[in-house]
Amino acid sequence: MQRASVVYRAGHWPADKGLAGWVVLDFQARHRRRILLTTHQGQDILLDLPRTIAMADGDALQLDDGSLIRVVAASELVLEVTHEDPGELMRVAWHLGNRHVTAEIRERLIRIRPDHVIGEMLLGLGAEVAVVRAAFQPEGSVQAHRGQSGKHGEHQLE
């Protein structure tokens, strides 16, 4: 079984490395240090990082043989929160942040994990809440991911 201990950020893969396949992971599986993964092609690989990082859609894992496995963000159930008034949507974001809710912030919407209590609170604030299937990349995890990248987007973890 091959081991992956190097993560390259999306758009910063080495040109001389071959793509051996891809792995589709939800957010929880993309936010790991060590886990057994199975690629879409059926290859088992061991993700073996010295610390937990949040991988994003389009990142790549480098295997022991130098080949790469592309990380694909899986669609998962999320709550999509919108408001007709952009100022009120900012207020909604404040309430989510005040409760330490993991959230993906987009231009006109916020995505969070399904939570009926938080959903009721959002409706009470005048927001519209819809359950959708989408890739989930929370804002905090993106910042952590960016902060851990080395030069040229490489996260050297050996």
N, C-alpha and C. Protein backbone atom coordinates (compact mmCIF):
# COMPACT_ATOMS: atom_id res chain seq x y z
N MET A 1 0.85 -1.17 0.00
CA MET A 1 0.00 0.00 0.00
C MET A 1 0.90 1.24 0.00
N GLN A 2 0.53 2.18 -0.85
CA GLN A 2 1.30 3.43 -0.92
C GLN A 2 0.86 4.39 0.18
N ARG A 3 1.76 5.27 0.51
CA ARG A 3 1.54 6.27 1.55
C ARG A 3 1.59 7.66 0.93
N ALA A 4 0.73 8.56 1.42
CA ALA A 4 0.74 9.96 0.98
C ALA A 4 1.06 10.83 2.18
N SER A 5 2.16 11.58 2.08
CA SER A 5 2.55 12.45 3.18
C SER A 5 2.85 13.87 2.73
N VAL A 6 2.58 14.17 1.46
CA VAL A 6 2.76 15.51 0.91
C VAL A 6 1.45 15.93 0.26
N VAL A 7 1.01 17.16 0.56
CA VAL A 7 -0.20 17.72 -0.04
C VAL A 7 0.20 18.96 -0.83
N TYR A 8 -0.27 19.02 -2.06
CA TYR A 8 -0.07 20.20 -2.91
C TYR A 8 -1.39 20.93 -3.03
N ARG A 9 -1.36 22.24 -2.90
CA ARG A 9 -2.57 23.04 -3.06
C ARG A 9 -3.03 23.02 -4.51
N ALA A 10 -4.32 23.20 -4.69
CA ALA A 10 -4.90 23.26 -6.04
C ALA A 10 -4.16 24.31 -6.87
N GLY A 11 -3.81 23.93 -8.08
CA GLY A 11 -3.13 24.85 -8.98
C GLY A 11 -1.63 24.91 -8.79
N HIS A 12 -1.10 24.18 -7.83
CA HIS A 12 0.34 24.23 -7.54
C HIS A 12 0.98 22.85 -7.57
N TRP A 13 0.43 21.98 -8.39
CA TRP A 13 1.01 20.64 -8.51
C TRP A 13 2.27 20.72 -9.35
N PRO A 14 3.24 19.87 -9.07
CA PRO A 14 4.44 19.83 -9.91
C PRO A 14 4.10 19.30 -11.31
N ALA A 15 4.62 19.95 -12.31
CA ALA A 15 4.32 19.57 -13.70
C ALA A 15 4.90 18.21 -14.07
N ASP A 16 5.94 17.79 -13.37
CA ASP A 16 6.60 16.54 -13.74
C ASP A 16 6.00 15.31 -13.05
N LYS A 17 4.96 15.48 -12.28
CA LYS A 17 4.33 14.36 -11.57
C LYS A 17 3.11 13.88 -12.35
N GLY A 18 2.93 12.57 -12.42
CA GLY A 18 1.78 12.00 -13.12
C GLY A 18 0.58 11.85 -12.19
N LEU A 19 -0.60 11.98 -12.75
CA LEU A 19 -1.83 11.82 -11.98
C LEU A 19 -2.24 10.34 -12.03
N ALA A 20 -2.29 9.71 -10.85
CA ALA A 20 -2.60 8.28 -10.77
C ALA A 20 -4.07 8.02 -10.50
N GLY A 21 -4.84 9.06 -10.20
CA GLY A 21 -6.25 8.88 -9.92
C GLY A 21 -6.80 9.99 -9.06
N TRP A 22 -7.95 9.72 -8.48
CA TRP A 22 -8.58 10.71 -7.62
C TRP A 22 -9.32 10.02 -6.50
N VAL A 23 -9.56 10.81 -5.47
CA VAL A 23 -10.30 10.33 -4.31
C VAL A 23 -11.37 11.37 -4.00
N VAL A 24 -12.61 10.91 -3.80
CA VAL A 24 -13.74 11.80 -3.51
C VAL A 24 -14.00 11.74 -2.01
N LEU A 25 -13.91 12.91 -1.35
CA LEU A 25 -14.02 12.97 0.10
C LEU A 25 -14.95 14.09 0.54
N ASP A 26 -15.77 13.81 1.56
CA ASP A 26 -16.57 14.89 2.15
C ASP A 26 -15.66 15.74 3.03
N PHE A 27 -16.21 16.82 3.61
CA PHE A 27 -15.37 17.72 4.37
C PHE A 27 -14.68 17.02 5.54
N GLN A 28 -15.41 16.21 6.26
CA GLN A 28 -14.82 15.54 7.41
C GLN A 28 -13.63 14.67 7.01
N ALA A 29 -13.75 13.96 5.91
CA ALA A 29 -12.65 13.11 5.45
C ALA A 29 -11.49 13.93 4.88
N ARG A 30 -11.77 15.17 4.41
CA ARG A 30 -10.70 16.04 3.91
C ARG A 30 -9.97 16.75 5.04
N HIS A 31 -10.47 16.66 6.24
CA HIS A 31 -9.87 17.33 7.40
C HIS A 31 -9.30 16.26 8.32
N ARG A 32 -8.21 15.66 7.89
CA ARG A 32 -7.62 14.51 8.58
C ARG A 32 -6.11 14.60 8.64
N ARG A 33 -5.56 13.78 9.50
CA ARG A 33 -4.12 13.60 9.58
C ARG A 33 -3.73 12.22 9.07
N ARG A 34 -4.48 11.23 9.52
CA ARG A 34 -4.14 9.85 9.15
C ARG A 34 -5.43 9.07 8.94
N ILE A 35 -5.55 8.47 7.76
CA ILE A 35 -6.73 7.69 7.43
C ILE A 35 -6.43 6.82 6.21
N LEU A 36 -7.07 5.68 6.14
CA LEU A 36 -6.97 4.83 4.96
C LEU A 36 -7.99 5.33 3.94
N LEU A 37 -7.53 5.61 2.74
CA LEU A 37 -8.39 6.10 1.67
C LEU A 37 -8.39 5.10 0.52
N THR A 38 -9.47 5.04 -0.21
CA THR A 38 -9.54 4.23 -1.41
C THR A 38 -9.87 5.16 -2.57
N THR A 39 -9.02 5.15 -3.58
CA THR A 39 -9.23 6.01 -4.74
C THR A 39 -10.42 5.50 -5.57
N HIS A 40 -10.88 6.34 -6.45
CA HIS A 40 -11.96 5.97 -7.37
C HIS A 40 -11.54 4.76 -8.22
N GLN A 41 -10.24 4.61 -8.42
CA GLN A 41 -9.71 3.52 -9.23
C GLN A 41 -9.53 2.23 -8.41
N GLY A 42 -9.85 2.27 -7.10
CA GLY A 42 -9.77 1.08 -6.26
C GLY A 42 -8.45 0.89 -5.53
N GLN A 43 -7.54 1.84 -5.62
CA GLN A 43 -6.24 1.74 -4.95
C GLN A 43 -6.36 2.23 -3.50
N ASP A 44 -5.89 1.43 -2.55
CA ASP A 44 -5.84 1.85 -1.15
C ASP A 44 -4.57 2.64 -0.92
N ILE A 45 -4.70 3.78 -0.24
CA ILE A 45 -3.54 4.60 0.12
C ILE A 45 -3.70 5.03 1.58
N LEU A 46 -2.58 5.19 2.24
CA LEU A 46 -2.59 5.65 3.62
C LEU A 46 -2.22 7.13 3.63
N LEU A 47 -3.16 7.97 4.04
CA LEU A 47 -2.86 9.38 4.27
C LEU A 47 -2.15 9.43 5.61
N ASP A 48 -0.92 9.93 5.61
CA ASP A 48 -0.09 9.90 6.81
C ASP A 48 0.62 11.24 6.95
N LEU A 49 -0.06 12.20 7.57
CA LEU A 49 0.46 13.55 7.73
C LEU A 49 0.90 13.77 9.18
N PRO A 50 1.89 14.62 9.42
CA PRO A 50 2.32 14.85 10.80
C PRO A 50 1.30 15.63 11.62
N ARG A 51 0.40 16.37 10.95
CA ARG A 51 -0.66 17.09 11.65
C ARG A 51 -1.87 17.20 10.74
N THR A 52 -3.00 17.44 11.35
CA THR A 52 -4.25 17.55 10.60
C THR A 52 -4.25 18.82 9.77
N ILE A 53 -4.68 18.69 8.53
CA ILE A 53 -4.90 19.86 7.68
C ILE A 53 -6.26 19.69 7.00
N ALA A 54 -6.78 20.80 6.50
CA ALA A 54 -8.04 20.76 5.76
C ALA A 54 -7.70 20.84 4.28
N MET A 55 -7.89 19.73 3.60
CA MET A 55 -7.65 19.71 2.16
C MET A 55 -8.86 20.28 1.45
N ALA A 56 -8.62 20.86 0.29
CA ALA A 56 -9.68 21.48 -0.49
C ALA A 56 -9.82 20.76 -1.84
N ASP A 57 -10.95 20.97 -2.48
CA ASP A 57 -11.18 20.44 -3.81
C ASP A 57 -10.05 20.90 -4.73
N GLY A 58 -9.47 19.97 -5.46
CA GLY A 58 -8.40 20.31 -6.40
C GLY A 58 -7.00 20.17 -5.84
N ASP A 59 -6.87 19.91 -4.54
CA ASP A 59 -5.55 19.64 -3.98
C ASP A 59 -5.08 18.28 -4.50
N ALA A 60 -3.83 17.97 -4.25
CA ALA A 60 -3.28 16.68 -4.66
C ALA A 60 -2.45 16.08 -3.54
N LEU A 61 -2.51 14.77 -3.44
CA LEU A 61 -1.70 14.01 -2.50
C LEU A 61 -0.59 13.35 -3.29
N GLN A 62 0.65 13.49 -2.83
CA GLN A 62 1.76 12.83 -3.50
C GLN A 62 2.03 11.49 -2.83
N LEU A 63 2.04 10.45 -3.65
CA LEU A 63 2.31 9.10 -3.15
C LEU A 63 3.82 8.85 -3.08
N ASP A 64 4.20 7.78 -2.38
CA ASP A 64 5.61 7.41 -2.24
C ASP A 64 6.33 7.29 -3.58
N ASP A 65 5.62 6.82 -4.61
CA ASP A 65 6.26 6.66 -5.93
C ASP A 65 6.32 7.96 -6.73
N GLY A 66 5.85 9.07 -6.13
CA GLY A 66 5.90 10.37 -6.79
C GLY A 66 4.65 10.74 -7.55
N SER A 67 3.77 9.79 -7.81
CA SER A 67 2.54 10.11 -8.53
C SER A 67 1.57 10.85 -7.62
N LEU A 68 0.55 11.44 -8.24
CA LEU A 68 -0.40 12.28 -7.50
C LEU A 68 -1.80 11.70 -7.54
N ILE A 69 -2.53 11.95 -6.47
CA ILE A 69 -3.95 11.62 -6.37
C ILE A 69 -4.68 12.93 -6.15
N ARG A 70 -5.62 13.25 -7.05
CA ARG A 70 -6.39 14.49 -6.94
C ARG A 70 -7.47 14.34 -5.86
N VAL A 71 -7.63 15.37 -5.06
CA VAL A 71 -8.68 15.42 -4.04
C VAL A 71 -9.91 16.09 -4.66
N VAL A 72 -11.04 15.40 -4.60
CA VAL A 72 -12.31 15.92 -5.13
C VAL A 72 -13.27 16.06 -3.95
N ALA A 73 -13.84 17.24 -3.79
CA ALA A 73 -14.81 17.48 -2.71
C ALA A 73 -16.13 16.82 -3.06
N ALA A 74 -16.60 15.95 -2.19
CA ALA A 74 -17.88 15.26 -2.40
C ALA A 74 -19.03 16.20 -2.11
N SER A 75 -20.14 15.99 -2.81
CA SER A 75 -21.38 16.69 -2.47
C SER A 75 -21.92 16.06 -1.20
N GLU A 76 -22.36 16.91 -0.28
CA GLU A 76 -22.94 16.44 0.96
C GLU A 76 -24.10 17.35 1.34
N LEU A 77 -24.93 16.87 2.25
CA LEU A 77 -26.06 17.70 2.68
C LEU A 77 -25.56 18.88 3.50
N VAL A 78 -26.00 20.07 3.10
CA VAL A 78 -25.69 21.30 3.82
C VAL A 78 -26.93 22.18 3.85
N LEU A 79 -26.94 23.12 4.78
CA LEU A 79 -27.97 24.15 4.79
C LEU A 79 -27.42 25.35 4.06
N GLU A 80 -28.18 25.84 3.08
CA GLU A 80 -27.80 27.03 2.35
C GLU A 80 -28.66 28.17 2.88
N VAL A 81 -28.00 29.18 3.41
CA VAL A 81 -28.67 30.29 4.09
C VAL A 81 -28.55 31.54 3.23
N THR A 82 -29.69 32.16 2.94
CA THR A 82 -29.71 33.40 2.17
C THR A 82 -30.62 34.41 2.87
N HIS A 83 -30.51 35.66 2.44
CA HIS A 83 -31.40 36.72 2.93
C HIS A 83 -31.49 37.74 1.81
N GLU A 84 -32.69 38.28 1.60
CA GLU A 84 -32.86 39.25 0.51
C GLU A 84 -32.08 40.54 0.77
N ASP A 85 -31.79 40.85 2.03
CA ASP A 85 -31.05 42.06 2.41
C ASP A 85 -29.61 41.67 2.75
N PRO A 86 -28.62 42.12 1.96
CA PRO A 86 -27.23 41.76 2.22
C PRO A 86 -26.76 42.15 3.63
N GLY A 87 -27.25 43.26 4.14
CA GLY A 87 -26.89 43.67 5.50
C GLY A 87 -27.39 42.68 6.53
N GLU A 88 -28.60 42.17 6.32
CA GLU A 88 -29.15 41.18 7.24
C GLU A 88 -28.42 39.84 7.12
N LEU A 89 -27.93 39.52 5.92
CA LEU A 89 -27.14 38.30 5.77
C LEU A 89 -25.84 38.42 6.58
N MET A 90 -25.26 39.63 6.61
CA MET A 90 -24.07 39.84 7.45
C MET A 90 -24.42 39.65 8.93
N ARG A 91 -25.59 40.11 9.33
CA ARG A 91 -26.05 39.92 10.71
C ARG A 91 -26.21 38.43 11.02
N VAL A 92 -26.76 37.67 10.08
CA VAL A 92 -26.90 36.23 10.22
C VAL A 92 -25.51 35.60 10.39
N ALA A 93 -24.54 36.05 9.58
CA ALA A 93 -23.18 35.52 9.67
C ALA A 93 -22.60 35.80 11.06
N TRP A 94 -22.88 36.97 11.60
CA TRP A 94 -22.40 37.29 12.94
C TRP A 94 -22.96 36.31 13.96
N HIS A 95 -24.27 36.04 13.88
CA HIS A 95 -24.90 35.11 14.82
C HIS A 95 -24.30 33.70 14.69
N LEU A 96 -24.01 33.28 13.47
CA LEU A 96 -23.38 31.97 13.28
C LEU A 96 -21.98 31.95 13.89
N GLY A 97 -21.22 33.00 13.63
CA GLY A 97 -19.88 33.10 14.19
C GLY A 97 -19.89 33.16 15.71
N ASN A 98 -20.86 33.86 16.27
CA ASN A 98 -20.98 33.98 17.72
C ASN A 98 -21.23 32.62 18.36
N ARG A 99 -21.82 31.71 17.59
CA ARG A 99 -22.09 30.35 18.09
C ARG A 99 -21.04 29.34 17.61
N HIS A 100 -19.97 29.86 17.00
CA HIS A 100 -18.86 29.03 16.53
C HIS A 100 -19.32 27.95 15.55
N VAL A 101 -20.29 28.31 14.70
CA VAL A 101 -20.78 27.38 13.68
C VAL A 101 -19.79 27.39 12.51
N THR A 102 -19.34 26.23 12.12
CA THR A 102 -18.47 26.11 10.96
C THR A 102 -19.27 26.50 9.72
N ALA A 103 -18.76 27.49 8.96
CA ALA A 103 -19.54 28.03 7.85
C ALA A 103 -18.67 28.31 6.64
N GLU A 104 -19.27 28.11 5.48
CA GLU A 104 -18.66 28.49 4.20
C GLU A 104 -19.35 29.77 3.76
N ILE A 105 -18.57 30.83 3.59
CA ILE A 105 -19.12 32.14 3.25
C ILE A 105 -18.95 32.35 1.75
N ARG A 106 -20.07 32.61 1.07
CA ARG A 106 -20.05 32.91 -0.36
C ARG A 106 -20.63 34.31 -0.56
N GLU A 107 -20.63 34.78 -1.78
CA GLU A 107 -21.04 36.17 -2.03
C GLU A 107 -22.46 36.46 -1.55
N ARG A 108 -23.41 35.59 -1.83
CA ARG A 108 -24.80 35.85 -1.48
C ARG A 108 -25.42 34.76 -0.61
N LEU A 109 -24.58 33.88 -0.09
CA LEU A 109 -25.12 32.81 0.76
C LEU A 109 -24.07 32.29 1.71
N ILE A 110 -24.55 31.57 2.70
CA ILE A 110 -23.71 30.92 3.69
C ILE A 110 -24.12 29.45 3.72
N ARG A 111 -23.14 28.56 3.75
CA ARG A 111 -23.43 27.13 3.89
C ARG A 111 -22.95 26.67 5.26
N ILE A 112 -23.79 25.85 5.90
CA ILE A 112 -23.43 25.25 7.18
C ILE A 112 -23.86 23.80 7.17
N ARG A 113 -23.38 23.04 8.13
CA ARG A 113 -23.83 21.66 8.28
C ARG A 113 -25.27 21.66 8.79
N PRO A 114 -26.05 20.66 8.43
CA PRO A 114 -27.44 20.60 8.90
C PRO A 114 -27.51 20.57 10.43
N ASP A 115 -28.35 21.44 10.97
CA ASP A 115 -28.57 21.54 12.41
C ASP A 115 -29.93 22.18 12.59
N HIS A 116 -30.90 21.42 13.08
CA HIS A 116 -32.27 21.94 13.14
C HIS A 116 -32.41 23.10 14.13
N VAL A 117 -31.64 23.11 15.20
CA VAL A 117 -31.72 24.22 16.17
C VAL A 117 -31.20 25.51 15.54
N ILE A 118 -30.04 25.42 14.89
CA ILE A 118 -29.47 26.60 14.22
C ILE A 118 -30.38 27.02 13.06
N GLY A 119 -30.94 26.06 12.35
CA GLY A 119 -31.86 26.38 11.26
C GLY A 119 -33.06 27.18 11.74
N GLU A 120 -33.63 26.78 12.86
CA GLU A 120 -34.76 27.53 13.44
C GLU A 120 -34.35 28.94 13.83
N MET A 121 -33.16 29.09 14.41
CA MET A 121 -32.66 30.41 14.77
C MET A 121 -32.55 31.28 13.52
N LEU A 122 -32.02 30.71 12.43
CA LEU A 122 -31.84 31.47 11.19
C LEU A 122 -33.18 31.91 10.62
N LEU A 123 -34.16 31.02 10.66
CA LEU A 123 -35.51 31.40 10.20
C LEU A 123 -36.05 32.54 11.05
N GLY A 124 -35.80 32.49 12.35
CA GLY A 124 -36.23 33.56 13.25
C GLY A 124 -35.56 34.89 12.95
N LEU A 125 -34.38 34.84 12.33
CA LEU A 125 -33.68 36.06 11.95
C LEU A 125 -34.11 36.54 10.56
N GLY A 126 -35.07 35.85 9.95
CA GLY A 126 -35.58 36.27 8.64
C GLY A 126 -34.83 35.69 7.46
N ALA A 127 -33.94 34.76 7.71
CA ALA A 127 -33.18 34.15 6.62
C ALA A 127 -34.01 33.06 5.96
N GLU A 128 -33.67 32.76 4.73
CA GLU A 128 -34.23 31.61 4.03
C GLU A 128 -33.22 30.49 4.17
N VAL A 129 -33.70 29.29 4.48
CA VAL A 129 -32.82 28.14 4.71
C VAL A 129 -33.29 26.99 3.83
N ALA A 130 -32.39 26.46 3.03
CA ALA A 130 -32.71 25.33 2.15
C ALA A 130 -31.69 24.22 2.37
N VAL A 131 -32.16 22.99 2.36
CA VAL A 131 -31.28 21.83 2.42
C VAL A 131 -30.88 21.49 0.99
N VAL A 132 -29.57 21.47 0.73
CA VAL A 132 -29.06 21.18 -0.62
C VAL A 132 -27.90 20.20 -0.51
N ARG A 133 -27.53 19.63 -1.65
CA ARG A 133 -26.31 18.82 -1.75
C ARG A 133 -25.27 19.67 -2.47
N ALA A 134 -24.13 19.86 -1.81
CA ALA A 134 -23.06 20.67 -2.40
C ALA A 134 -21.75 20.31 -1.71
N ALA A 135 -20.65 20.63 -2.37
CA ALA A 135 -19.35 20.48 -1.73
C ALA A 135 -19.28 21.52 -0.61
N PHE A 136 -18.72 21.14 0.53
CA PHE A 136 -18.66 22.02 1.69
C PHE A 136 -17.21 22.30 2.04
N GLN A 137 -16.82 23.58 1.94
CA GLN A 137 -15.46 24.00 2.28
C GLN A 137 -15.56 25.20 3.22
N PRO A 138 -15.68 24.95 4.52
CA PRO A 138 -15.84 26.03 5.48
C PRO A 138 -14.70 27.03 5.45
N GLU A 139 -15.02 28.26 5.77
CA GLU A 139 -14.07 29.36 5.72
C GLU A 139 -12.86 29.13 6.61
N GLY A 140 -13.05 28.73 7.84
CA GLY A 140 -11.92 28.53 8.74
C GLY A 140 -10.94 27.50 8.22
N SER A 141 -11.47 26.45 7.60
CA SER A 141 -10.58 25.40 7.10
C SER A 141 -9.77 25.88 5.91
N VAL A 142 -10.34 26.76 5.11
CA VAL A 142 -9.59 27.31 3.98
C VAL A 142 -8.44 28.16 4.49
N GLN A 143 -8.71 28.98 5.52
CA GLN A 143 -7.65 29.81 6.08
C GLN A 143 -6.55 28.96 6.68
N ALA A 144 -6.93 27.92 7.41
CA ALA A 144 -5.93 27.03 7.99
C ALA A 144 -5.11 26.37 6.90
N HIS A 145 -5.79 25.98 5.82
CA HIS A 145 -5.13 25.32 4.70
C HIS A 145 -4.11 26.27 4.07
N ARG A 146 -4.52 27.51 3.84
CA ARG A 146 -3.62 28.49 3.24
C ARG A 146 -2.43 28.75 4.14
N GLY A 147 -2.68 28.84 5.42
CA GLY A 147 -1.62 29.13 6.36
C GLY A 147 -0.59 28.03 6.49
N GLN A 148 -0.92 26.82 6.14
CA GLN A 148 0.00 25.71 6.28
C GLN A 148 0.76 25.41 5.00
N SER A 149 0.44 26.09 3.94
CA SER A 149 1.11 25.79 2.68
C SER A 149 2.53 26.32 2.68
N GLY A 150 3.41 25.57 2.08
CA GLY A 150 4.78 26.02 1.92
C GLY A 150 4.91 26.79 0.62
N LYS A 151 6.15 27.06 0.21
CA LYS A 151 6.34 27.81 -1.02
C LYS A 151 5.76 27.02 -2.19
N HIS A 152 5.21 27.73 -3.14
CA HIS A 152 4.59 27.17 -4.34
C HIS A 152 3.42 26.25 -4.02
N GLY A 153 2.83 26.43 -2.84
CA GLY A 153 1.65 25.66 -2.51
C GLY A 153 1.91 24.26 -2.02
N GLU A 154 3.17 23.91 -1.82
CA GLU A 154 3.48 22.56 -1.37
C GLU A 154 3.41 22.50 0.14
N HIS A 155 2.85 21.46 0.65
CA HIS A 155 2.81 21.23 2.09
C HIS A 155 3.68 20.02 2.35
N GLN A 156 4.94 20.26 2.58
CA GLN A 156 5.92 19.19 2.79
C GLN A 156 5.72 18.63 4.19
N LEU A 157 5.42 17.37 4.29
CA LEU A 157 5.06 16.81 5.58
C LEU A 157 5.90 15.60 5.95
N GLU A 158 7.08 15.54 5.48
CA GLU A 158 7.91 14.37 5.80
C GLU A 158 8.92 14.72 6.87
